Structure formats: C-alpha cells, structure tokens
Amino acid sequence: MIERVWEGAREAKHLRSVIVATDDDRIAEVCRGFGAEVVLTREDHPTGTDRIGEVALGLEDDIVVNVQGDEPLIEGFVIDACVEALQADAEAPMATAVHVLDPADAPDPNRVKVVLDRRDRALYFSRSPIPFVRDAAHAPLWQHIGLYAYRRQFLQTLSGLAPTPAERTEQLEQLRVLEHGYPIRCAIIDGWHSVPVDVPEDVVLVEARLQGRPV
C-alpha cells in the first residue's frame, strides 16, 4: 500500500521530491527496496504532522505536502490541486482536499465529512454526517481526503499548538488548526473519490476500484 501511495505522489507535477517519513526500520527497508527516499525520524512524535515537521526542518521548500499512507488510490492531480489551493489563498497556512460524499458513506465515522464556506475554506470537520439535512440538502455534502499542504514555517507553529476540545472529541487533528483560528483552504476534486484504508474491509473496496469494479 505504501508503494502505491508513493507511486501516486510521484505523478504530482508540483512536488520536487517524494520522501517516506517513518520511525520503523522495517518500513524503511521495504520502501528503499522499491526505490523511495526515506527519512528515519524520532519515535516519540505524537502525530504524523509532528513527524512531517521534523523532516521539514531539513528542507528549504516553501510548501510541504503530507500524503497519508492510508490513501492507496491517491493520484498526482489531487496533490497538485491541493498545492494550488494553498498558493491561491495567501491568508491560509495550510490546505487540504475534498470531494462529493457518497450518501452511503455518510454514517461511516472513518469517512470524515467537512462543511465549507463561500471561499472554499473549512468550517468544521466531523466523523458525523454534517451538515444535518433537516428538509432537503441545499449544498453538496463533502468528504475529506487524507492529504495536507502546509507552508513549511507553519508546521513548526502547528507542533507548538495545544490540543483542543473538538480535536480530542472527534480525534481529528485538523480541528486543532481551526480551533486556534487558522483557516484551512480546501481544493474541490471532481470526478474522483478517495477510498482510505481505515479498517480491513476497506481493502476489498480498494481492490475493486483497481480492478475497475463498482464499489
């Protein structure tokens, strides 16, 4: 799965290089075996973002992208759209990506939902279906994709922000950014949807997509 994520990331036109950040020698060995550049990090990072922040200290790029390893269907154009969204919003320190939510996935807590404002910035992320549809839906329902583009300096700021109540309640780290008052720009991806691997049953869905079967 990591190799597939790496291959998808390498298709992105806006990435100078693709680095696997891990604290596990076994993962590092596998990744080097298929040709990936690997950086071994400390073992005490509380989140993946902190791990990315350690790697970013050795970089000079203005933007650093976190492509999560549980997104085996990620494609380069999705990453490029996320980077472009950040570049287009000078006030936002980070960006992510969303696509239309399949109604069948709305109850699934592993499919993270998001509400956007009129500038395509995130208002809130949740594992619950949001917004609540009282009478009829008047706006698209969005699913979040496990992908983030950061301004490199903000990664260090983010590592110093205290965990927040909604973040702890939902177990969604991106809520820390919103609760501390920082905007998150969202790229809207058309004609593609994510199948993150959060539970073993998701592997079947990914395999079906790869074989061209409906999921």
N, C-alpha and C. Protein backbone atom coordinates (compact mmCIF):
# COMPACT_ATOMS: atom_id res chain seq x y z
N MET A 1 0.82 -1.20 0.00
CA MET A 1 0.00 0.00 0.00
C MET A 1 0.86 1.26 0.00
N ILE A 2 1.94 1.24 0.77
CA ILE A 2 2.83 2.41 0.80
C ILE A 2 3.43 2.66 -0.59
N GLU A 3 3.80 1.59 -1.26
CA GLU A 3 4.37 1.75 -2.60
C GLU A 3 3.37 2.39 -3.56
N ARG A 4 2.11 2.01 -3.44
CA ARG A 4 1.09 2.58 -4.32
C ARG A 4 0.90 4.07 -4.03
N VAL A 5 0.91 4.44 -2.75
CA VAL A 5 0.81 5.86 -2.38
C VAL A 5 2.01 6.62 -2.94
N TRP A 6 3.18 6.05 -2.79
CA TRP A 6 4.42 6.67 -3.30
C TRP A 6 4.34 6.85 -4.82
N GLU A 7 3.85 5.85 -5.51
CA GLU A 7 3.74 5.96 -6.96
C GLU A 7 2.76 7.05 -7.37
N GLY A 8 1.64 7.14 -6.66
CA GLY A 8 0.67 8.19 -6.96
C GLY A 8 1.24 9.57 -6.70
N ALA A 9 1.97 9.71 -5.61
CA ALA A 9 2.55 11.01 -5.27
C ALA A 9 3.59 11.45 -6.29
N ARG A 10 4.33 10.49 -6.84
CA ARG A 10 5.37 10.83 -7.82
C ARG A 10 4.78 11.38 -9.12
N GLU A 11 3.49 11.19 -9.34
CA GLU A 11 2.84 11.72 -10.54
C GLU A 11 2.56 13.22 -10.42
N ALA A 12 2.61 13.75 -9.19
CA ALA A 12 2.28 15.16 -8.98
C ALA A 12 3.34 16.05 -9.63
N LYS A 13 2.90 17.06 -10.34
CA LYS A 13 3.82 17.96 -11.04
C LYS A 13 4.42 19.00 -10.10
N HIS A 14 3.76 19.27 -8.99
CA HIS A 14 4.23 20.33 -8.09
C HIS A 14 5.18 19.83 -7.00
N LEU A 15 5.47 18.55 -6.97
CA LEU A 15 6.36 18.01 -5.94
C LEU A 15 7.78 17.89 -6.48
N ARG A 16 8.73 18.47 -5.75
CA ARG A 16 10.13 18.37 -6.14
C ARG A 16 10.66 16.98 -5.85
N SER A 17 10.26 16.40 -4.73
CA SER A 17 10.67 15.05 -4.37
C SER A 17 9.59 14.43 -3.49
N VAL A 18 9.63 13.11 -3.37
CA VAL A 18 8.70 12.37 -2.52
C VAL A 18 9.52 11.60 -1.50
N ILE A 19 9.27 11.88 -0.22
CA ILE A 19 10.05 11.30 0.88
C ILE A 19 9.11 10.49 1.77
N VAL A 20 9.52 9.29 2.13
CA VAL A 20 8.78 8.50 3.11
C VAL A 20 9.37 8.80 4.48
N ALA A 21 8.54 9.29 5.39
CA ALA A 21 8.97 9.60 6.76
C ALA A 21 8.43 8.51 7.69
N THR A 22 9.31 7.83 8.38
CA THR A 22 8.90 6.74 9.27
C THR A 22 9.89 6.60 10.42
N ASP A 23 9.43 5.99 11.51
CA ASP A 23 10.34 5.69 12.62
C ASP A 23 10.59 4.19 12.71
N ASP A 24 10.13 3.44 11.70
CA ASP A 24 10.21 1.98 11.73
C ASP A 24 11.22 1.49 10.70
N ASP A 25 12.25 0.81 11.16
CA ASP A 25 13.28 0.30 10.26
C ASP A 25 12.73 -0.68 9.23
N ARG A 26 11.69 -1.43 9.60
CA ARG A 26 11.11 -2.40 8.68
C ARG A 26 10.44 -1.68 7.51
N ILE A 27 9.70 -0.64 7.82
CA ILE A 27 9.06 0.14 6.76
C ILE A 27 10.11 0.80 5.88
N ALA A 28 11.14 1.33 6.52
CA ALA A 28 12.21 1.99 5.77
C ALA A 28 12.87 1.02 4.79
N GLU A 29 13.11 -0.21 5.23
CA GLU A 29 13.76 -1.20 4.37
C GLU A 29 12.89 -1.54 3.17
N VAL A 30 11.59 -1.72 3.40
CA VAL A 30 10.67 -2.03 2.30
C VAL A 30 10.64 -0.88 1.30
N CYS A 31 10.56 0.34 1.81
CA CYS A 31 10.46 1.50 0.92
C CYS A 31 11.73 1.72 0.12
N ARG A 32 12.87 1.54 0.74
CA ARG A 32 14.13 1.66 -0.01
C ARG A 32 14.21 0.58 -1.08
N GLY A 33 13.56 -0.58 -0.80
CA GLY A 33 13.58 -1.67 -1.75
C GLY A 33 12.88 -1.34 -3.06
N PHE A 34 11.86 -0.49 -3.03
CA PHE A 34 11.22 -0.11 -4.29
C PHE A 34 11.67 1.27 -4.78
N GLY A 35 12.75 1.80 -4.16
CA GLY A 35 13.39 2.99 -4.69
C GLY A 35 13.03 4.31 -4.04
N ALA A 36 12.30 4.28 -2.94
CA ALA A 36 11.87 5.52 -2.29
C ALA A 36 13.00 6.14 -1.47
N GLU A 37 12.99 7.46 -1.41
CA GLU A 37 13.85 8.18 -0.48
C GLU A 37 13.19 8.11 0.90
N VAL A 38 13.95 7.75 1.92
CA VAL A 38 13.39 7.54 3.25
C VAL A 38 14.14 8.39 4.27
N VAL A 39 13.39 8.99 5.20
CA VAL A 39 13.99 9.68 6.33
C VAL A 39 13.48 9.01 7.60
N LEU A 40 14.39 8.48 8.41
CA LEU A 40 14.03 7.91 9.70
C LEU A 40 13.91 9.03 10.73
N THR A 41 12.77 9.09 11.39
CA THR A 41 12.52 10.15 12.37
C THR A 41 12.55 9.60 13.79
N ARG A 42 12.41 10.51 14.73
CA ARG A 42 12.31 10.10 16.13
C ARG A 42 11.07 9.23 16.35
N GLU A 43 11.08 8.47 17.41
CA GLU A 43 9.97 7.56 17.70
C GLU A 43 8.90 8.19 18.59
N ASP A 44 9.15 9.38 19.12
CA ASP A 44 8.26 9.94 20.14
C ASP A 44 7.27 10.97 19.61
N HIS A 45 7.09 11.04 18.30
CA HIS A 45 6.15 12.02 17.76
C HIS A 45 4.71 11.60 18.07
N PRO A 46 3.91 12.51 18.63
CA PRO A 46 2.52 12.15 18.95
C PRO A 46 1.63 12.04 17.72
N THR A 47 1.98 12.72 16.63
CA THR A 47 1.16 12.70 15.42
C THR A 47 2.04 12.61 14.18
N GLY A 48 1.40 12.26 13.08
CA GLY A 48 2.11 12.24 11.81
C GLY A 48 2.56 13.62 11.38
N THR A 49 1.79 14.64 11.75
CA THR A 49 2.17 16.01 11.41
C THR A 49 3.47 16.40 12.08
N ASP A 50 3.64 15.98 13.33
CA ASP A 50 4.90 16.26 14.03
C ASP A 50 6.06 15.56 13.33
N ARG A 51 5.80 14.37 12.82
CA ARG A 51 6.85 13.63 12.10
C ARG A 51 7.24 14.39 10.83
N ILE A 52 6.23 14.88 10.10
CA ILE A 52 6.49 15.67 8.90
C ILE A 52 7.25 16.94 9.26
N GLY A 53 6.90 17.55 10.40
CA GLY A 53 7.59 18.75 10.85
C GLY A 53 9.07 18.53 11.07
N GLU A 54 9.43 17.35 11.60
CA GLU A 54 10.85 17.05 11.80
C GLU A 54 11.58 16.99 10.47
N VAL A 55 10.95 16.33 9.49
CA VAL A 55 11.58 16.22 8.17
C VAL A 55 11.69 17.61 7.52
N ALA A 56 10.66 18.44 7.71
CA ALA A 56 10.63 19.76 7.09
C ALA A 56 11.74 20.67 7.60
N LEU A 57 12.26 20.41 8.80
CA LEU A 57 13.36 21.22 9.33
C LEU A 57 14.59 21.14 8.43
N GLY A 58 14.71 20.05 7.69
CA GLY A 58 15.87 19.89 6.81
C GLY A 58 15.60 20.30 5.38
N LEU A 59 14.45 20.92 5.14
CA LEU A 59 14.08 21.33 3.78
C LEU A 59 14.06 22.85 3.66
N GLU A 60 14.16 23.33 2.45
CA GLU A 60 14.08 24.77 2.20
C GLU A 60 12.86 25.14 1.36
N ASP A 61 12.04 24.18 1.03
CA ASP A 61 10.85 24.43 0.21
C ASP A 61 9.84 25.28 0.97
N ASP A 62 9.10 26.10 0.25
CA ASP A 62 8.08 26.93 0.88
C ASP A 62 6.87 26.13 1.30
N ILE A 63 6.55 25.07 0.56
CA ILE A 63 5.37 24.25 0.82
C ILE A 63 5.79 22.80 1.01
N VAL A 64 5.23 22.16 2.03
CA VAL A 64 5.48 20.75 2.32
C VAL A 64 4.13 20.04 2.31
N VAL A 65 4.06 18.90 1.63
CA VAL A 65 2.80 18.17 1.49
C VAL A 65 2.88 16.87 2.28
N ASN A 66 1.82 16.60 3.03
CA ASN A 66 1.69 15.36 3.78
C ASN A 66 0.69 14.47 3.06
N VAL A 67 1.19 13.44 2.40
CA VAL A 67 0.33 12.45 1.73
C VAL A 67 0.26 11.25 2.66
N GLN A 68 -0.90 10.99 3.21
CA GLN A 68 -1.00 9.94 4.22
C GLN A 68 -0.95 8.55 3.58
N GLY A 69 -0.32 7.64 4.29
CA GLY A 69 -0.07 6.31 3.76
C GLY A 69 -1.29 5.43 3.64
N ASP A 70 -2.45 5.89 4.13
CA ASP A 70 -3.65 5.07 4.03
C ASP A 70 -4.53 5.47 2.85
N GLU A 71 -3.96 6.21 1.88
CA GLU A 71 -4.69 6.65 0.69
C GLU A 71 -4.09 6.00 -0.56
N PRO A 72 -4.27 4.68 -0.74
CA PRO A 72 -3.59 3.98 -1.84
C PRO A 72 -4.07 4.37 -3.23
N LEU A 73 -5.20 5.06 -3.34
CA LEU A 73 -5.69 5.46 -4.65
C LEU A 73 -5.35 6.90 -4.99
N ILE A 74 -4.52 7.54 -4.19
CA ILE A 74 -4.17 8.94 -4.43
C ILE A 74 -3.54 9.10 -5.81
N GLU A 75 -3.86 10.21 -6.46
CA GLU A 75 -3.31 10.50 -7.79
C GLU A 75 -2.63 11.86 -7.77
N GLY A 76 -1.69 12.03 -8.68
CA GLY A 76 -0.89 13.24 -8.70
C GLY A 76 -1.71 14.51 -8.85
N PHE A 77 -2.76 14.47 -9.67
CA PHE A 77 -3.52 15.69 -9.91
C PHE A 77 -4.25 16.15 -8.66
N VAL A 78 -4.58 15.22 -7.76
CA VAL A 78 -5.23 15.60 -6.50
C VAL A 78 -4.24 16.37 -5.62
N ILE A 79 -3.01 15.89 -5.57
CA ILE A 79 -1.97 16.58 -4.81
C ILE A 79 -1.71 17.96 -5.41
N ASP A 80 -1.63 18.04 -6.72
CA ASP A 80 -1.39 19.32 -7.38
C ASP A 80 -2.51 20.31 -7.07
N ALA A 81 -3.75 19.84 -7.05
CA ALA A 81 -4.88 20.72 -6.75
C ALA A 81 -4.79 21.25 -5.33
N CYS A 82 -4.33 20.43 -4.41
CA CYS A 82 -4.18 20.86 -3.02
C CYS A 82 -3.10 21.94 -2.91
N VAL A 83 -1.98 21.74 -3.57
CA VAL A 83 -0.90 22.73 -3.56
C VAL A 83 -1.39 24.04 -4.18
N GLU A 84 -2.10 23.94 -5.29
CA GLU A 84 -2.60 25.15 -5.96
C GLU A 84 -3.60 25.90 -5.10
N ALA A 85 -4.41 25.18 -4.34
CA ALA A 85 -5.37 25.83 -3.44
C ALA A 85 -4.64 26.65 -2.39
N LEU A 86 -3.55 26.10 -1.86
CA LEU A 86 -2.77 26.84 -0.88
C LEU A 86 -2.10 28.06 -1.50
N GLN A 87 -1.57 27.89 -2.68
CA GLN A 87 -0.92 29.00 -3.37
C GLN A 87 -1.91 30.13 -3.67
N ALA A 88 -3.18 29.79 -3.87
CA ALA A 88 -4.19 30.77 -4.23
C ALA A 88 -4.75 31.53 -3.03
N ASP A 89 -4.43 31.10 -1.82
CA ASP A 89 -5.00 31.71 -0.62
C ASP A 89 -3.86 32.15 0.30
N ALA A 90 -3.45 33.39 0.16
CA ALA A 90 -2.28 33.88 0.89
C ALA A 90 -2.49 33.89 2.40
N GLU A 91 -3.75 33.95 2.86
CA GLU A 91 -4.02 34.00 4.29
C GLU A 91 -4.03 32.62 4.95
N ALA A 92 -4.17 31.57 4.16
CA ALA A 92 -4.27 30.22 4.71
C ALA A 92 -2.88 29.62 4.90
N PRO A 93 -2.59 29.05 6.06
CA PRO A 93 -1.30 28.40 6.27
C PRO A 93 -1.27 26.95 5.81
N MET A 94 -2.44 26.41 5.48
CA MET A 94 -2.48 25.02 5.02
C MET A 94 -3.72 24.80 4.16
N ALA A 95 -3.68 23.73 3.39
CA ALA A 95 -4.81 23.37 2.53
C ALA A 95 -4.97 21.86 2.55
N THR A 96 -6.17 21.44 2.17
CA THR A 96 -6.46 20.01 2.04
C THR A 96 -7.37 19.84 0.83
N ALA A 97 -7.99 18.68 0.69
CA ALA A 97 -8.82 18.42 -0.48
C ALA A 97 -10.09 17.70 -0.07
N VAL A 98 -11.15 17.90 -0.86
CA VAL A 98 -12.44 17.27 -0.59
C VAL A 98 -13.05 16.81 -1.90
N HIS A 99 -14.00 15.88 -1.80
CA HIS A 99 -14.81 15.50 -2.96
C HIS A 99 -16.23 15.26 -2.46
N VAL A 100 -17.15 15.14 -3.40
CA VAL A 100 -18.55 14.92 -3.02
C VAL A 100 -18.67 13.62 -2.24
N LEU A 101 -19.43 13.66 -1.17
CA LEU A 101 -19.63 12.50 -0.30
C LEU A 101 -20.66 11.55 -0.90
N ASP A 102 -20.32 10.28 -0.98
CA ASP A 102 -21.30 9.26 -1.33
C ASP A 102 -22.26 9.12 -0.15
N PRO A 103 -23.57 9.31 -0.36
CA PRO A 103 -24.51 9.23 0.76
C PRO A 103 -24.39 7.94 1.57
N ALA A 104 -23.99 6.86 0.91
CA ALA A 104 -23.84 5.59 1.62
C ALA A 104 -22.72 5.65 2.65
N ASP A 105 -21.77 6.58 2.45
CA ASP A 105 -20.64 6.69 3.37
C ASP A 105 -20.90 7.67 4.51
N ALA A 106 -22.01 8.37 4.48
CA ALA A 106 -22.28 9.40 5.49
C ALA A 106 -22.24 8.87 6.93
N PRO A 107 -22.80 7.69 7.21
CA PRO A 107 -22.78 7.22 8.60
C PRO A 107 -21.42 6.68 9.06
N ASP A 108 -20.50 6.44 8.14
CA ASP A 108 -19.21 5.81 8.47
C ASP A 108 -18.30 6.81 9.16
N PRO A 109 -17.93 6.59 10.42
CA PRO A 109 -17.07 7.54 11.12
C PRO A 109 -15.66 7.62 10.57
N ASN A 110 -15.26 6.63 9.77
CA ASN A 110 -13.93 6.67 9.17
C ASN A 110 -13.89 7.51 7.90
N ARG A 111 -15.05 7.91 7.38
CA ARG A 111 -15.12 8.84 6.26
C ARG A 111 -15.40 10.22 6.84
N VAL A 112 -14.39 11.04 6.88
CA VAL A 112 -14.50 12.34 7.55
C VAL A 112 -15.22 13.33 6.66
N LYS A 113 -16.21 13.99 7.23
CA LYS A 113 -17.01 14.97 6.50
C LYS A 113 -16.55 16.38 6.83
N VAL A 114 -16.86 17.33 5.92
CA VAL A 114 -16.43 18.71 6.14
C VAL A 114 -17.47 19.65 5.55
N VAL A 115 -17.65 20.80 6.21
CA VAL A 115 -18.52 21.86 5.69
C VAL A 115 -17.63 23.02 5.27
N LEU A 116 -17.91 23.58 4.09
CA LEU A 116 -17.09 24.65 3.53
C LEU A 116 -17.84 25.98 3.57
N ASP A 117 -17.06 27.07 3.63
CA ASP A 117 -17.66 28.39 3.49
C ASP A 117 -17.63 28.81 2.02
N ARG A 118 -17.98 30.06 1.75
CA ARG A 118 -18.09 30.52 0.36
C ARG A 118 -16.73 30.72 -0.30
N ARG A 119 -15.66 30.70 0.50
CA ARG A 119 -14.32 30.83 -0.06
C ARG A 119 -13.61 29.48 -0.14
N ASP A 120 -14.38 28.41 0.01
CA ASP A 120 -13.83 27.05 -0.01
C ASP A 120 -12.85 26.82 1.14
N ARG A 121 -13.13 27.46 2.25
CA ARG A 121 -12.38 27.18 3.47
C ARG A 121 -13.23 26.28 4.38
N ALA A 122 -12.55 25.46 5.16
CA ALA A 122 -13.26 24.53 6.04
C ALA A 122 -13.88 25.27 7.21
N LEU A 123 -15.15 25.00 7.47
CA LEU A 123 -15.81 25.50 8.68
C LEU A 123 -15.68 24.50 9.82
N TYR A 124 -15.80 23.21 9.48
CA TYR A 124 -15.71 22.17 10.50
C TYR A 124 -15.52 20.82 9.84
N PHE A 125 -14.79 19.95 10.51
CA PHE A 125 -14.63 18.56 10.09
C PHE A 125 -15.31 17.68 11.15
N SER A 126 -15.90 16.58 10.71
CA SER A 126 -16.54 15.69 11.67
C SER A 126 -16.60 14.27 11.16
N ARG A 127 -16.63 13.34 12.10
CA ARG A 127 -16.88 11.94 11.74
C ARG A 127 -18.38 11.69 11.58
N SER A 128 -19.19 12.60 12.07
CA SER A 128 -20.64 12.50 11.91
C SER A 128 -21.06 13.15 10.59
N PRO A 129 -22.23 12.79 10.07
CA PRO A 129 -22.73 13.46 8.86
C PRO A 129 -23.00 14.94 9.15
N ILE A 130 -22.38 15.81 8.40
CA ILE A 130 -22.63 17.25 8.51
C ILE A 130 -22.68 17.85 7.12
N PRO A 131 -23.51 18.90 6.91
CA PRO A 131 -24.48 19.43 7.87
C PRO A 131 -25.68 18.50 8.00
N PHE A 132 -26.42 18.64 9.09
CA PHE A 132 -27.65 17.87 9.26
C PHE A 132 -28.67 18.34 8.23
N VAL A 133 -29.25 17.40 7.50
CA VAL A 133 -30.23 17.75 6.47
C VAL A 133 -31.62 17.68 7.09
N ARG A 134 -32.19 18.85 7.38
CA ARG A 134 -33.49 18.89 8.04
C ARG A 134 -34.63 18.60 7.07
N ASP A 135 -34.68 19.33 5.96
CA ASP A 135 -35.76 19.14 4.99
C ASP A 135 -35.22 18.65 3.65
N ALA A 136 -34.24 19.37 3.12
CA ALA A 136 -33.62 18.99 1.85
C ALA A 136 -32.21 19.56 1.82
N ALA A 137 -31.33 18.88 1.13
CA ALA A 137 -29.96 19.36 1.03
C ALA A 137 -29.90 20.54 0.06
N HIS A 138 -29.30 21.63 0.50
CA HIS A 138 -29.17 22.82 -0.33
C HIS A 138 -27.72 23.07 -0.75
N ALA A 139 -26.83 22.17 -0.40
CA ALA A 139 -25.42 22.30 -0.75
C ALA A 139 -24.83 20.91 -0.87
N PRO A 140 -23.75 20.75 -1.61
CA PRO A 140 -23.11 19.43 -1.68
C PRO A 140 -22.62 18.99 -0.31
N LEU A 141 -22.60 17.70 -0.09
CA LEU A 141 -22.02 17.13 1.12
C LEU A 141 -20.62 16.66 0.76
N TRP A 142 -19.63 17.05 1.56
CA TRP A 142 -18.23 16.85 1.20
C TRP A 142 -17.56 15.80 2.09
N GLN A 143 -16.69 15.00 1.47
CA GLN A 143 -15.82 14.09 2.21
C GLN A 143 -14.38 14.59 2.13
N HIS A 144 -13.70 14.52 3.25
CA HIS A 144 -12.31 14.98 3.34
C HIS A 144 -11.36 13.89 2.83
N ILE A 145 -10.32 14.31 2.15
CA ILE A 145 -9.27 13.42 1.65
C ILE A 145 -8.04 13.57 2.56
N GLY A 146 -7.40 12.45 2.89
CA GLY A 146 -6.25 12.47 3.80
C GLY A 146 -5.00 13.02 3.15
N LEU A 147 -4.98 14.32 2.98
CA LEU A 147 -3.91 14.99 2.25
C LEU A 147 -3.83 16.43 2.74
N TYR A 148 -2.61 16.92 3.03
CA TYR A 148 -2.45 18.29 3.51
C TYR A 148 -1.24 18.93 2.86
N ALA A 149 -1.40 20.20 2.49
CA ALA A 149 -0.27 21.02 2.05
C ALA A 149 -0.08 22.12 3.09
N TYR A 150 1.15 22.28 3.57
CA TYR A 150 1.46 23.27 4.61
C TYR A 150 2.49 24.27 4.10
N ARG A 151 2.37 25.49 4.54
CA ARG A 151 3.51 26.39 4.44
C ARG A 151 4.52 25.88 5.46
N ARG A 152 5.74 25.70 5.02
CA ARG A 152 6.73 25.00 5.84
C ARG A 152 6.87 25.60 7.24
N GLN A 153 6.89 26.91 7.33
CA GLN A 153 7.06 27.54 8.65
C GLN A 153 5.87 27.25 9.57
N PHE A 154 4.68 27.07 8.99
CA PHE A 154 3.51 26.80 9.83
C PHE A 154 3.60 25.44 10.50
N LEU A 155 4.31 24.49 9.89
CA LEU A 155 4.46 23.18 10.52
C LEU A 155 5.07 23.30 11.91
N GLN A 156 6.02 24.20 12.07
CA GLN A 156 6.63 24.39 13.39
C GLN A 156 5.65 25.06 14.34
N THR A 157 4.86 26.01 13.83
CA THR A 157 3.82 26.63 14.66
C THR A 157 2.80 25.59 15.11
N LEU A 158 2.39 24.74 14.19
CA LEU A 158 1.38 23.74 14.48
C LEU A 158 1.84 22.77 15.56
N SER A 159 3.10 22.40 15.51
CA SER A 159 3.63 21.46 16.51
C SER A 159 3.56 22.05 17.92
N GLY A 160 3.55 23.39 18.02
CA GLY A 160 3.51 24.04 19.32
C GLY A 160 2.12 24.37 19.81
N LEU A 161 1.08 24.12 19.00
CA LEU A 161 -0.29 24.43 19.42
C LEU A 161 -0.82 23.35 20.35
N ALA A 162 -1.48 23.78 21.41
CA ALA A 162 -2.04 22.82 22.36
C ALA A 162 -3.23 22.09 21.75
N PRO A 163 -3.41 20.81 22.07
CA PRO A 163 -4.61 20.09 21.63
C PRO A 163 -5.87 20.81 22.09
N THR A 164 -6.95 20.66 21.34
CA THR A 164 -8.17 21.43 21.58
C THR A 164 -9.36 20.50 21.84
N PRO A 165 -10.44 21.05 22.42
CA PRO A 165 -11.58 20.19 22.81
C PRO A 165 -12.22 19.42 21.66
N ALA A 166 -12.53 20.10 20.55
CA ALA A 166 -13.18 19.38 19.43
C ALA A 166 -12.23 18.35 18.84
N GLU A 167 -10.95 18.70 18.75
CA GLU A 167 -9.96 17.75 18.25
C GLU A 167 -9.96 16.48 19.08
N ARG A 168 -9.96 16.64 20.41
CA ARG A 168 -9.95 15.48 21.28
C ARG A 168 -11.24 14.68 21.18
N THR A 169 -12.35 15.39 21.02
CA THR A 169 -13.65 14.73 20.95
C THR A 169 -13.79 13.91 19.67
N GLU A 170 -13.43 14.51 18.53
CA GLU A 170 -13.59 13.84 17.24
C GLU A 170 -12.37 12.98 16.87
N GLN A 171 -11.23 13.23 17.57
CA GLN A 171 -9.97 12.59 17.20
C GLN A 171 -9.61 12.93 15.76
N LEU A 172 -9.68 14.24 15.46
CA LEU A 172 -9.32 14.77 14.15
C LEU A 172 -8.36 15.93 14.37
N GLU A 173 -7.10 15.72 14.00
CA GLU A 173 -6.07 16.69 14.31
C GLU A 173 -6.28 18.03 13.60
N GLN A 174 -6.90 18.02 12.42
CA GLN A 174 -7.08 19.27 11.69
C GLN A 174 -7.99 20.25 12.43
N LEU A 175 -8.81 19.74 13.35
CA LEU A 175 -9.67 20.64 14.12
C LEU A 175 -8.83 21.55 15.03
N ARG A 176 -7.64 21.11 15.41
CA ARG A 176 -6.77 21.97 16.23
C ARG A 176 -6.46 23.26 15.49
N VAL A 177 -6.24 23.15 14.19
CA VAL A 177 -5.93 24.33 13.38
C VAL A 177 -7.11 25.31 13.40
N LEU A 178 -8.31 24.79 13.15
CA LEU A 178 -9.49 25.65 13.14
C LEU A 178 -9.77 26.25 14.51
N GLU A 179 -9.63 25.45 15.56
CA GLU A 179 -9.95 25.94 16.90
C GLU A 179 -8.97 27.01 17.37
N HIS A 180 -7.77 26.99 16.82
CA HIS A 180 -6.81 28.05 17.15
C HIS A 180 -6.93 29.25 16.22
N GLY A 181 -7.91 29.21 15.31
CA GLY A 181 -8.21 30.37 14.50
C GLY A 181 -7.51 30.47 13.16
N TYR A 182 -6.89 29.39 12.70
CA TYR A 182 -6.21 29.41 11.41
C TYR A 182 -7.13 28.84 10.32
N PRO A 183 -7.19 29.46 9.15
CA PRO A 183 -8.04 28.94 8.08
C PRO A 183 -7.38 27.77 7.35
N ILE A 184 -8.22 26.87 6.85
CA ILE A 184 -7.78 25.74 6.03
C ILE A 184 -8.50 25.84 4.68
N ARG A 185 -7.75 26.06 3.62
CA ARG A 185 -8.33 26.13 2.28
C ARG A 185 -8.55 24.71 1.75
N CYS A 186 -9.64 24.50 1.03
CA CYS A 186 -9.95 23.17 0.52
C CYS A 186 -10.04 23.18 -1.00
N ALA A 187 -9.34 22.26 -1.62
CA ALA A 187 -9.46 22.05 -3.06
C ALA A 187 -10.59 21.07 -3.31
N ILE A 188 -11.49 21.42 -4.21
CA ILE A 188 -12.60 20.55 -4.55
C ILE A 188 -12.21 19.68 -5.75
N ILE A 189 -12.25 18.37 -5.57
CA ILE A 189 -11.82 17.43 -6.59
C ILE A 189 -13.06 16.82 -7.26
N ASP A 190 -13.17 16.99 -8.56
CA ASP A 190 -14.29 16.45 -9.32
C ASP A 190 -13.88 15.15 -10.02
N GLY A 191 -14.82 14.23 -10.13
CA GLY A 191 -14.61 13.02 -10.91
C GLY A 191 -13.67 12.01 -10.28
N TRP A 192 -13.44 12.09 -9.02
CA TRP A 192 -12.54 11.16 -8.33
C TRP A 192 -12.97 11.10 -6.88
N HIS A 193 -12.86 9.93 -6.24
CA HIS A 193 -13.14 9.90 -4.81
C HIS A 193 -12.18 8.96 -4.10
N SER A 194 -11.95 9.30 -2.86
CA SER A 194 -10.96 8.62 -2.03
C SER A 194 -11.55 7.33 -1.44
N VAL A 195 -10.69 6.33 -1.29
CA VAL A 195 -11.04 5.14 -0.53
C VAL A 195 -9.90 4.88 0.46
N PRO A 196 -9.89 5.60 1.59
CA PRO A 196 -8.83 5.38 2.57
C PRO A 196 -8.98 4.03 3.24
N VAL A 197 -7.86 3.44 3.61
CA VAL A 197 -7.88 2.13 4.27
C VAL A 197 -7.78 2.35 5.77
N ASP A 198 -8.94 2.33 6.42
CA ASP A 198 -9.01 2.52 7.87
C ASP A 198 -9.31 1.22 8.61
N VAL A 199 -10.00 0.31 7.93
CA VAL A 199 -10.35 -0.99 8.51
C VAL A 199 -10.12 -2.05 7.43
N PRO A 200 -9.97 -3.32 7.80
CA PRO A 200 -9.68 -4.37 6.80
C PRO A 200 -10.69 -4.42 5.66
N GLU A 201 -11.95 -4.10 5.94
CA GLU A 201 -12.97 -4.15 4.89
C GLU A 201 -12.68 -3.15 3.76
N ASP A 202 -11.93 -2.10 4.07
CA ASP A 202 -11.62 -1.11 3.04
C ASP A 202 -10.70 -1.66 1.97
N VAL A 203 -9.91 -2.68 2.31
CA VAL A 203 -9.01 -3.29 1.32
C VAL A 203 -9.80 -3.86 0.15
N VAL A 204 -10.94 -4.47 0.45
CA VAL A 204 -11.80 -5.03 -0.59
C VAL A 204 -12.29 -3.92 -1.52
N LEU A 205 -12.64 -2.76 -0.96
CA LEU A 205 -13.11 -1.64 -1.78
C LEU A 205 -12.00 -1.12 -2.69
N VAL A 206 -10.79 -1.04 -2.15
CA VAL A 206 -9.66 -0.57 -2.96
C VAL A 206 -9.38 -1.55 -4.09
N GLU A 207 -9.37 -2.84 -3.78
CA GLU A 207 -9.10 -3.84 -4.81
C GLU A 207 -10.16 -3.80 -5.91
N ALA A 208 -11.41 -3.56 -5.53
CA ALA A 208 -12.47 -3.47 -6.53
C ALA A 208 -12.24 -2.28 -7.45
N ARG A 209 -11.85 -1.13 -6.87
CA ARG A 209 -11.57 0.05 -7.70
C ARG A 209 -10.42 -0.22 -8.66
N LEU A 210 -9.39 -0.88 -8.17
CA LEU A 210 -8.23 -1.16 -9.02
C LEU A 210 -8.57 -2.11 -10.16
N GLN A 211 -9.56 -2.95 -9.93
CA GLN A 211 -9.98 -3.90 -10.97
C GLN A 211 -11.12 -3.35 -11.81
N GLY A 212 -11.48 -2.09 -11.58
CA GLY A 212 -12.49 -1.46 -12.40
C GLY A 212 -13.91 -1.84 -12.06
N ARG A 213 -14.12 -2.45 -10.86
CA ARG A 213 -15.48 -2.82 -10.46
C ARG A 213 -16.10 -1.68 -9.64
N PRO A 214 -17.42 -1.53 -9.67
CA PRO A 214 -18.06 -0.51 -8.85
C PRO A 214 -17.90 -0.85 -7.37
N VAL A 215 -17.78 0.20 -6.54
CA VAL A 215 -17.64 -0.02 -5.09
C VAL A 215 -18.80 0.63 -4.37
